[in-house]
């Protein structure tokens, strides 16, 4: 399988209704549920990037 045929994987952050932050992983057309209850955007970004690296290393 070439790199061109692998689905794009990215992480985004969202502000939850309770004012906390979460990250969302998207792989191709699959969107995984929001994960985390972080107090600020920086924590959510860091956790999301770590989850993305872990996911990509398992490919």
N, C-alpha and C. Protein backbone atom coordinates (compact mmCIF):
# COMPACT_ATOMS: atom_id res chain seq x y z
N UNK A 1 0.85 -1.18 0.00
CA UNK A 1 0.00 0.00 0.00
C UNK A 1 0.89 1.23 0.00
N UNK A 2 0.69 2.13 -0.94
CA UNK A 2 1.50 3.34 -1.01
C UNK A 2 0.95 4.40 -0.05
N UNK A 3 1.78 5.39 0.21
CA UNK A 3 1.34 6.47 1.10
C UNK A 3 0.18 7.26 0.51
N UNK A 4 0.07 7.28 -0.83
CA UNK A 4 -1.01 8.03 -1.46
C UNK A 4 -2.38 7.44 -1.17
N UNK A 5 -2.45 6.14 -0.94
CA UNK A 5 -3.75 5.51 -0.73
C UNK A 5 -4.17 5.47 0.74
N UNK A 6 -3.30 5.90 1.65
CA UNK A 6 -3.67 5.93 3.07
C UNK A 6 -4.56 7.13 3.34
N UNK A 7 -5.58 6.96 4.17
CA UNK A 7 -6.47 8.09 4.45
C UNK A 7 -5.75 9.17 5.26
N UNK A 8 -6.16 10.40 5.04
CA UNK A 8 -5.59 11.51 5.80
C UNK A 8 -6.04 11.41 7.25
N UNK A 9 -5.10 11.60 8.16
CA UNK A 9 -5.41 11.57 9.59
C UNK A 9 -5.06 12.92 10.18
N UNK A 10 -6.00 13.51 10.92
CA UNK A 10 -5.72 14.81 11.53
C UNK A 10 -6.45 14.91 12.86
N UNK A 11 -6.01 15.88 13.64
CA UNK A 11 -6.62 16.11 14.95
C UNK A 11 -7.10 17.56 14.99
N UNK A 12 -8.29 17.75 15.54
CA UNK A 12 -8.83 19.09 15.75
C UNK A 12 -9.26 19.20 17.20
N UNK A 13 -9.45 20.43 17.65
CA UNK A 13 -9.92 20.62 19.02
C UNK A 13 -11.28 21.30 18.98
N UNK A 14 -12.06 21.04 20.02
CA UNK A 14 -13.41 21.61 20.14
C UNK A 14 -13.62 22.09 21.56
N UNK A 15 -14.38 23.16 21.69
CA UNK A 15 -14.80 23.60 23.01
C UNK A 15 -16.12 22.91 23.33
N UNK A 16 -16.16 22.25 24.46
CA UNK A 16 -17.36 21.53 24.89
C UNK A 16 -18.37 22.48 25.51
N UNK A 17 -19.59 22.01 25.68
CA UNK A 17 -20.65 22.85 26.25
C UNK A 17 -20.35 23.29 27.68
N UNK A 18 -19.55 22.49 28.39
CA UNK A 18 -19.23 22.84 29.77
C UNK A 18 -18.03 23.78 29.87
N UNK A 19 -17.52 24.26 28.73
CA UNK A 19 -16.41 25.21 28.73
C UNK A 19 -15.04 24.56 28.68
N UNK A 20 -14.98 23.25 28.75
CA UNK A 20 -13.71 22.53 28.69
C UNK A 20 -13.37 22.24 27.24
N UNK A 21 -12.16 21.72 27.01
CA UNK A 21 -11.68 21.45 25.65
C UNK A 21 -11.46 19.97 25.44
N UNK A 22 -11.65 19.52 24.21
CA UNK A 22 -11.45 18.12 23.84
C UNK A 22 -10.81 18.06 22.46
N UNK A 23 -10.19 16.91 22.14
CA UNK A 23 -9.67 16.75 20.79
C UNK A 23 -10.48 15.68 20.06
N UNK A 24 -10.52 15.81 18.75
CA UNK A 24 -11.26 14.90 17.88
C UNK A 24 -10.30 14.38 16.83
N UNK A 25 -10.21 13.07 16.69
CA UNK A 25 -9.38 12.46 15.65
C UNK A 25 -10.24 12.18 14.44
N UNK A 26 -9.71 12.51 13.27
CA UNK A 26 -10.40 12.23 12.01
C UNK A 26 -9.44 11.44 11.14
N UNK A 27 -9.91 10.30 10.65
CA UNK A 27 -9.10 9.47 9.76
C UNK A 27 -9.93 9.16 8.52
N UNK A 28 -9.59 9.81 7.43
CA UNK A 28 -10.39 9.67 6.22
C UNK A 28 -11.78 10.24 6.47
N UNK A 29 -12.79 9.42 6.30
CA UNK A 29 -14.16 9.87 6.55
C UNK A 29 -14.67 9.48 7.93
N UNK A 30 -13.83 8.81 8.72
CA UNK A 30 -14.23 8.38 10.06
C UNK A 30 -13.86 9.47 11.06
N UNK A 31 -14.82 9.88 11.87
CA UNK A 31 -14.59 10.88 12.92
C UNK A 31 -14.82 10.19 14.26
N UNK A 32 -13.77 10.14 15.07
CA UNK A 32 -13.87 9.52 16.39
C UNK A 32 -14.46 10.53 17.37
N UNK A 33 -15.16 10.08 18.40
CA UNK A 33 -15.80 11.01 19.35
C UNK A 33 -14.78 11.90 20.05
N UNK A 34 -15.26 13.06 20.49
CA UNK A 34 -14.41 13.98 21.24
C UNK A 34 -13.87 13.27 22.48
N UNK A 35 -12.60 13.52 22.77
CA UNK A 35 -11.95 12.84 23.88
C UNK A 35 -11.28 13.87 24.77
N UNK A 36 -11.51 13.78 26.06
CA UNK A 36 -10.82 14.62 27.03
C UNK A 36 -11.70 15.71 27.62
N UNK A 37 -11.24 16.20 28.73
CA UNK A 37 -11.87 17.31 29.44
C UNK A 37 -10.73 18.22 29.90
N UNK A 38 -10.12 18.92 28.96
CA UNK A 38 -8.94 19.73 29.25
C UNK A 38 -9.35 21.15 29.59
N UNK A 39 -8.58 21.79 30.48
CA UNK A 39 -8.94 23.13 30.93
C UNK A 39 -8.55 24.21 29.94
N UNK A 40 -7.63 23.92 29.02
CA UNK A 40 -7.27 24.92 28.02
C UNK A 40 -6.93 24.26 26.68
N UNK A 41 -6.85 25.09 25.65
CA UNK A 41 -6.61 24.60 24.30
C UNK A 41 -5.25 23.93 24.16
N UNK A 42 -4.24 24.46 24.81
CA UNK A 42 -2.88 23.93 24.69
C UNK A 42 -2.83 22.48 25.16
N UNK A 43 -3.46 22.18 26.28
CA UNK A 43 -3.48 20.80 26.78
C UNK A 43 -4.20 19.88 25.80
N UNK A 44 -5.30 20.34 25.23
CA UNK A 44 -6.05 19.53 24.27
C UNK A 44 -5.23 19.29 23.01
N UNK A 45 -4.53 20.30 22.52
CA UNK A 45 -3.70 20.16 21.33
C UNK A 45 -2.58 19.16 21.58
N UNK A 46 -1.91 19.29 22.73
CA UNK A 46 -0.80 18.39 23.05
C UNK A 46 -1.28 16.94 23.16
N UNK A 47 -2.39 16.73 23.83
CA UNK A 47 -2.92 15.37 23.98
C UNK A 47 -3.37 14.81 22.63
N UNK A 48 -3.97 15.64 21.82
CA UNK A 48 -4.41 15.21 20.49
C UNK A 48 -3.25 14.84 19.60
N UNK A 49 -2.18 15.63 19.64
CA UNK A 49 -1.00 15.32 18.83
C UNK A 49 -0.33 14.03 19.31
N UNK A 50 -0.30 13.81 20.61
CA UNK A 50 0.27 12.57 21.14
C UNK A 50 -0.56 11.36 20.70
N UNK A 51 -1.88 11.50 20.72
CA UNK A 51 -2.75 10.41 20.27
C UNK A 51 -2.56 10.15 18.78
N UNK A 52 -2.39 11.21 18.01
CA UNK A 52 -2.18 11.08 16.57
C UNK A 52 -0.86 10.37 16.27
N UNK A 53 0.20 10.75 16.99
CA UNK A 53 1.50 10.08 16.81
C UNK A 53 1.40 8.60 17.16
N UNK A 54 0.70 8.28 18.25
CA UNK A 54 0.54 6.88 18.65
C UNK A 54 -0.24 6.10 17.59
N UNK A 55 -1.27 6.71 17.04
CA UNK A 55 -2.06 6.05 16.01
C UNK A 55 -1.23 5.82 14.75
N UNK A 56 -0.45 6.81 14.35
CA UNK A 56 0.37 6.68 13.15
C UNK A 56 1.52 5.70 13.33
N UNK A 57 2.04 5.57 14.53
CA UNK A 57 3.14 4.63 14.76
C UNK A 57 2.66 3.18 14.72
N UNK A 58 1.36 2.96 14.92
CA UNK A 58 0.79 1.61 14.89
C UNK A 58 0.39 1.17 13.49
N UNK A 59 0.54 2.02 12.51
CA UNK A 59 0.16 1.66 11.13
C UNK A 59 1.12 0.69 10.55
